[in-house]
Amino acid sequence: MVDGIPVEGVHTFGSPPVGNTYWMLVNGSTSLADKTWRWAAEGDTVSTLPFFDMTFNLSPKPLPSEIYFHVSRVNTLFANGNISIDGE
């Protein structure tokens, strides 16, 4: 349940990291973490980019609020139609 709304699942497709440190801690400590699926196409660079500092501040040590993380583990969609679920 998020803000009183029952959530059956969350799916992200081809997305860069989506949440900062605080978001990661909150998401990881809720039942939503078990209902979240991250999907990426094989070879999609956007979903693998290491945007640790989404503010594009090139300082060597970003603040914790500037570091972004992916949702769950990645599931991969292949061009031949195969799917890898959670690295299997």
N, C-alpha and C. Protein backbone atom coordinates (compact mmCIF):
# COMPACT_ATOMS: atom_id res chain seq x y z
N MET A 1 0.84 -1.17 0.00
CA MET A 1 0.00 0.00 0.00
C MET A 1 0.90 1.24 0.00
N VAL A 2 0.65 2.16 -0.91
CA VAL A 2 1.39 3.42 -0.98
C VAL A 2 0.37 4.55 -0.95
N ASP A 3 0.47 5.41 0.05
CA ASP A 3 -0.48 6.51 0.23
C ASP A 3 -1.93 6.01 0.22
N GLY A 4 -2.15 4.86 0.82
CA GLY A 4 -3.49 4.30 0.93
C GLY A 4 -3.98 3.59 -0.32
N ILE A 5 -3.14 3.48 -1.33
CA ILE A 5 -3.51 2.83 -2.59
C ILE A 5 -2.80 1.48 -2.69
N PRO A 6 -3.53 0.38 -2.86
CA PRO A 6 -2.87 -0.92 -2.98
C PRO A 6 -2.08 -1.01 -4.29
N VAL A 7 -0.83 -1.45 -4.18
CA VAL A 7 0.04 -1.56 -5.35
C VAL A 7 0.29 -3.04 -5.63
N GLU A 8 -0.08 -3.47 -6.83
CA GLU A 8 0.14 -4.86 -7.22
C GLU A 8 1.55 -5.08 -7.75
N GLY A 9 2.11 -4.05 -8.39
CA GLY A 9 3.46 -4.18 -8.93
C GLY A 9 3.91 -2.89 -9.60
N VAL A 10 5.22 -2.74 -9.69
CA VAL A 10 5.81 -1.59 -10.36
C VAL A 10 6.81 -2.14 -11.38
N HIS A 11 6.70 -1.68 -12.62
CA HIS A 11 7.62 -2.10 -13.68
C HIS A 11 8.27 -0.87 -14.28
N THR A 12 9.61 -0.88 -14.41
CA THR A 12 10.31 0.18 -15.11
C THR A 12 10.93 -0.44 -16.36
N PHE A 13 10.93 0.29 -17.46
CA PHE A 13 11.46 -0.21 -18.72
C PHE A 13 12.55 0.72 -19.24
N GLY A 14 13.77 0.18 -19.41
CA GLY A 14 14.87 0.93 -20.00
C GLY A 14 15.20 2.23 -19.29
N SER A 15 15.07 2.24 -18.00
CA SER A 15 15.25 3.49 -17.28
C SER A 15 16.63 3.59 -16.64
N PRO A 16 17.15 4.81 -16.52
CA PRO A 16 18.37 5.01 -15.74
C PRO A 16 18.03 4.88 -14.25
N PRO A 17 19.02 4.96 -13.36
CA PRO A 17 18.71 4.91 -11.93
C PRO A 17 17.62 5.92 -11.57
N VAL A 18 16.70 5.52 -10.70
CA VAL A 18 15.51 6.35 -10.48
C VAL A 18 15.37 6.96 -9.08
N GLY A 19 16.15 6.54 -8.12
CA GLY A 19 15.94 7.06 -6.77
C GLY A 19 17.24 7.37 -6.05
N ASN A 20 17.20 8.40 -5.19
CA ASN A 20 18.40 8.75 -4.43
C ASN A 20 18.55 7.84 -3.21
N THR A 21 19.53 8.13 -2.36
CA THR A 21 19.84 7.28 -1.21
C THR A 21 18.63 7.12 -0.29
N TYR A 22 17.96 8.22 0.03
CA TYR A 22 16.78 8.15 0.90
C TYR A 22 15.69 7.27 0.28
N TRP A 23 15.44 7.48 -1.01
CA TRP A 23 14.42 6.69 -1.71
C TRP A 23 14.76 5.20 -1.67
N MET A 24 16.05 4.88 -1.89
CA MET A 24 16.48 3.48 -1.89
C MET A 24 16.22 2.84 -0.53
N LEU A 25 16.53 3.57 0.55
CA LEU A 25 16.31 3.03 1.89
C LEU A 25 14.84 2.81 2.17
N VAL A 26 13.99 3.76 1.77
CA VAL A 26 12.54 3.63 2.00
C VAL A 26 11.98 2.51 1.13
N ASN A 27 12.34 2.47 -0.15
CA ASN A 27 11.83 1.44 -1.06
C ASN A 27 12.26 0.05 -0.62
N GLY A 28 13.51 -0.08 -0.16
CA GLY A 28 14.02 -1.38 0.26
C GLY A 28 13.41 -1.89 1.54
N SER A 29 12.82 -1.01 2.33
CA SER A 29 12.25 -1.43 3.61
C SER A 29 10.73 -1.59 3.55
N THR A 30 10.15 -1.53 2.36
CA THR A 30 8.70 -1.69 2.23
C THR A 30 8.38 -2.95 1.42
N SER A 31 7.13 -3.34 1.44
CA SER A 31 6.71 -4.49 0.64
C SER A 31 6.77 -4.19 -0.85
N LEU A 32 6.91 -2.92 -1.21
CA LEU A 32 7.00 -2.53 -2.61
C LEU A 32 8.26 -3.10 -3.27
N ALA A 33 9.34 -3.27 -2.51
CA ALA A 33 10.59 -3.78 -3.05
C ALA A 33 10.39 -5.16 -3.68
N ASP A 34 9.55 -5.99 -3.10
CA ASP A 34 9.30 -7.33 -3.63
C ASP A 34 8.38 -7.33 -4.84
N LYS A 35 7.75 -6.20 -5.13
CA LYS A 35 6.80 -6.10 -6.24
C LYS A 35 7.34 -5.25 -7.37
N THR A 36 8.63 -4.94 -7.33
CA THR A 36 9.23 -4.05 -8.32
C THR A 36 10.07 -4.85 -9.31
N TRP A 37 9.85 -4.58 -10.59
CA TRP A 37 10.57 -5.26 -11.67
C TRP A 37 11.24 -4.23 -12.56
N ARG A 38 12.53 -4.41 -12.84
CA ARG A 38 13.26 -3.53 -13.74
C ARG A 38 13.56 -4.29 -15.02
N TRP A 39 13.14 -3.75 -16.15
CA TRP A 39 13.32 -4.39 -17.46
C TRP A 39 14.26 -3.56 -18.32
N ALA A 40 15.17 -4.26 -19.01
CA ALA A 40 16.11 -3.58 -19.92
C ALA A 40 16.31 -4.44 -21.15
N ALA A 41 16.39 -3.80 -22.29
CA ALA A 41 16.70 -4.51 -23.54
C ALA A 41 18.20 -4.78 -23.59
N GLU A 42 18.56 -5.92 -24.12
CA GLU A 42 19.97 -6.27 -24.28
C GLU A 42 20.68 -5.16 -25.05
N GLY A 43 21.80 -4.67 -24.52
CA GLY A 43 22.57 -3.64 -25.19
C GLY A 43 22.08 -2.22 -24.98
N ASP A 44 21.02 -2.02 -24.22
CA ASP A 44 20.49 -0.68 -23.96
C ASP A 44 21.41 0.04 -22.99
N THR A 45 22.10 1.07 -23.46
CA THR A 45 23.07 1.76 -22.61
C THR A 45 22.41 2.64 -21.55
N VAL A 46 21.21 3.14 -21.80
CA VAL A 46 20.56 4.02 -20.82
C VAL A 46 20.34 3.28 -19.50
N SER A 47 19.94 2.02 -19.57
CA SER A 47 19.65 1.28 -18.34
C SER A 47 20.91 0.80 -17.63
N THR A 48 22.08 0.97 -18.25
CA THR A 48 23.32 0.52 -17.61
C THR A 48 24.26 1.67 -17.26
N LEU A 49 23.90 2.88 -17.67
CA LEU A 49 24.78 4.02 -17.40
C LEU A 49 25.00 4.22 -15.90
N PRO A 50 26.22 4.51 -15.52
CA PRO A 50 26.49 4.76 -14.09
C PRO A 50 26.27 6.22 -13.71
N PHE A 51 25.02 6.69 -13.81
CA PHE A 51 24.72 8.06 -13.40
C PHE A 51 24.64 8.13 -11.88
N PHE A 52 25.79 8.12 -11.25
CA PHE A 52 25.79 8.19 -9.79
C PHE A 52 25.49 9.61 -9.33
N ASP A 53 25.74 10.59 -10.18
CA ASP A 53 25.51 11.98 -9.83
C ASP A 53 24.58 12.59 -10.87
N MET A 54 23.27 12.43 -10.68
CA MET A 54 22.29 12.86 -11.67
C MET A 54 22.18 14.38 -11.77
N THR A 55 22.84 15.12 -10.89
CA THR A 55 22.81 16.57 -11.00
C THR A 55 23.88 17.05 -11.98
N PHE A 56 24.67 16.14 -12.50
CA PHE A 56 25.77 16.43 -13.42
C PHE A 56 26.81 17.34 -12.78
N ASN A 57 26.86 17.30 -11.47
CA ASN A 57 27.90 17.99 -10.71
C ASN A 57 29.13 17.09 -10.76
N LEU A 58 30.20 17.55 -11.33
CA LEU A 58 31.37 16.72 -11.53
C LEU A 58 32.31 16.69 -10.34
N SER A 59 31.82 17.06 -9.18
CA SER A 59 32.67 17.00 -7.99
C SER A 59 33.06 15.54 -7.74
N PRO A 60 34.24 15.31 -7.19
CA PRO A 60 34.68 13.92 -6.98
C PRO A 60 33.86 13.17 -5.94
N LYS A 61 33.21 13.88 -5.03
CA LYS A 61 32.47 13.20 -3.97
C LYS A 61 31.07 13.80 -3.87
N PRO A 62 30.09 13.21 -4.61
CA PRO A 62 28.73 13.76 -4.54
C PRO A 62 28.10 13.54 -3.17
N LEU A 63 27.17 14.40 -2.82
CA LEU A 63 26.42 14.23 -1.58
C LEU A 63 25.55 12.99 -1.69
N PRO A 64 25.22 12.34 -0.57
CA PRO A 64 24.35 11.15 -0.63
C PRO A 64 23.03 11.40 -1.36
N SER A 65 22.49 12.61 -1.26
CA SER A 65 21.23 12.91 -1.93
C SER A 65 21.40 13.03 -3.44
N GLU A 66 22.64 13.10 -3.93
CA GLU A 66 22.90 13.22 -5.36
C GLU A 66 23.19 11.87 -6.01
N ILE A 67 23.32 10.82 -5.22
CA ILE A 67 23.65 9.50 -5.76
C ILE A 67 22.34 8.76 -6.02
N TYR A 68 22.15 8.29 -7.25
CA TYR A 68 20.91 7.61 -7.62
C TYR A 68 21.14 6.13 -7.82
N PHE A 69 20.09 5.32 -7.58
CA PHE A 69 20.17 3.86 -7.62
C PHE A 69 19.07 3.28 -8.50
N HIS A 70 19.32 2.09 -8.99
CA HIS A 70 18.32 1.35 -9.76
C HIS A 70 17.30 0.73 -8.82
N VAL A 71 16.17 0.36 -9.39
CA VAL A 71 15.12 -0.36 -8.69
C VAL A 71 15.36 -1.85 -8.91
N SER A 72 15.39 -2.62 -7.89
CA SER A 72 15.50 -4.09 -7.93
C SER A 72 16.63 -4.56 -8.84
N ARG A 73 16.63 -5.84 -9.15
CA ARG A 73 17.60 -6.41 -10.07
C ARG A 73 17.05 -6.34 -11.48
N VAL A 74 17.95 -6.41 -12.44
CA VAL A 74 17.54 -6.23 -13.83
C VAL A 74 17.04 -7.54 -14.45
N ASN A 75 15.98 -7.42 -15.22
CA ASN A 75 15.48 -8.50 -16.08
C ASN A 75 15.79 -8.05 -17.50
N THR A 76 16.34 -8.94 -18.32
CA THR A 76 16.81 -8.55 -19.64
C THR A 76 15.93 -9.13 -20.74
N LEU A 77 15.58 -8.28 -21.70
CA LEU A 77 14.83 -8.69 -22.89
C LEU A 77 15.83 -8.78 -24.05
N PHE A 78 15.91 -9.93 -24.71
CA PHE A 78 16.86 -10.15 -25.80
C PHE A 78 16.18 -10.01 -27.15
N ALA A 79 16.95 -9.62 -28.16
CA ALA A 79 16.43 -9.41 -29.51
C ALA A 79 15.82 -10.67 -30.10
N ASN A 80 16.29 -11.85 -29.69
CA ASN A 80 15.77 -13.11 -30.22
C ASN A 80 14.47 -13.55 -29.54
N GLY A 81 13.97 -12.74 -28.62
CA GLY A 81 12.71 -13.05 -27.94
C GLY A 81 12.89 -13.69 -26.57
N ASN A 82 14.11 -14.07 -26.21
CA ASN A 82 14.37 -14.67 -24.90
C ASN A 82 14.32 -13.60 -23.82
N ILE A 83 14.06 -14.06 -22.60
CA ILE A 83 14.01 -13.18 -21.43
C ILE A 83 14.85 -13.79 -20.32
N SER A 84 15.65 -12.98 -19.67
CA SER A 84 16.40 -13.39 -18.50
C SER A 84 15.77 -12.72 -17.30
N ILE A 85 15.20 -13.52 -16.41
CA ILE A 85 14.55 -12.98 -15.22
C ILE A 85 15.55 -12.92 -14.07
N ASP A 86 15.81 -11.71 -13.59
CA ASP A 86 16.66 -11.50 -12.43
C ASP A 86 18.02 -12.18 -12.56
N GLY A 87 18.61 -12.10 -13.76
CA GLY A 87 19.95 -12.63 -13.98
C GLY A 87 20.05 -14.12 -14.23
N GLU A 88 18.93 -14.81 -14.33
CA GLU A 88 18.96 -16.28 -14.58
C GLU A 88 19.32 -16.57 -16.01
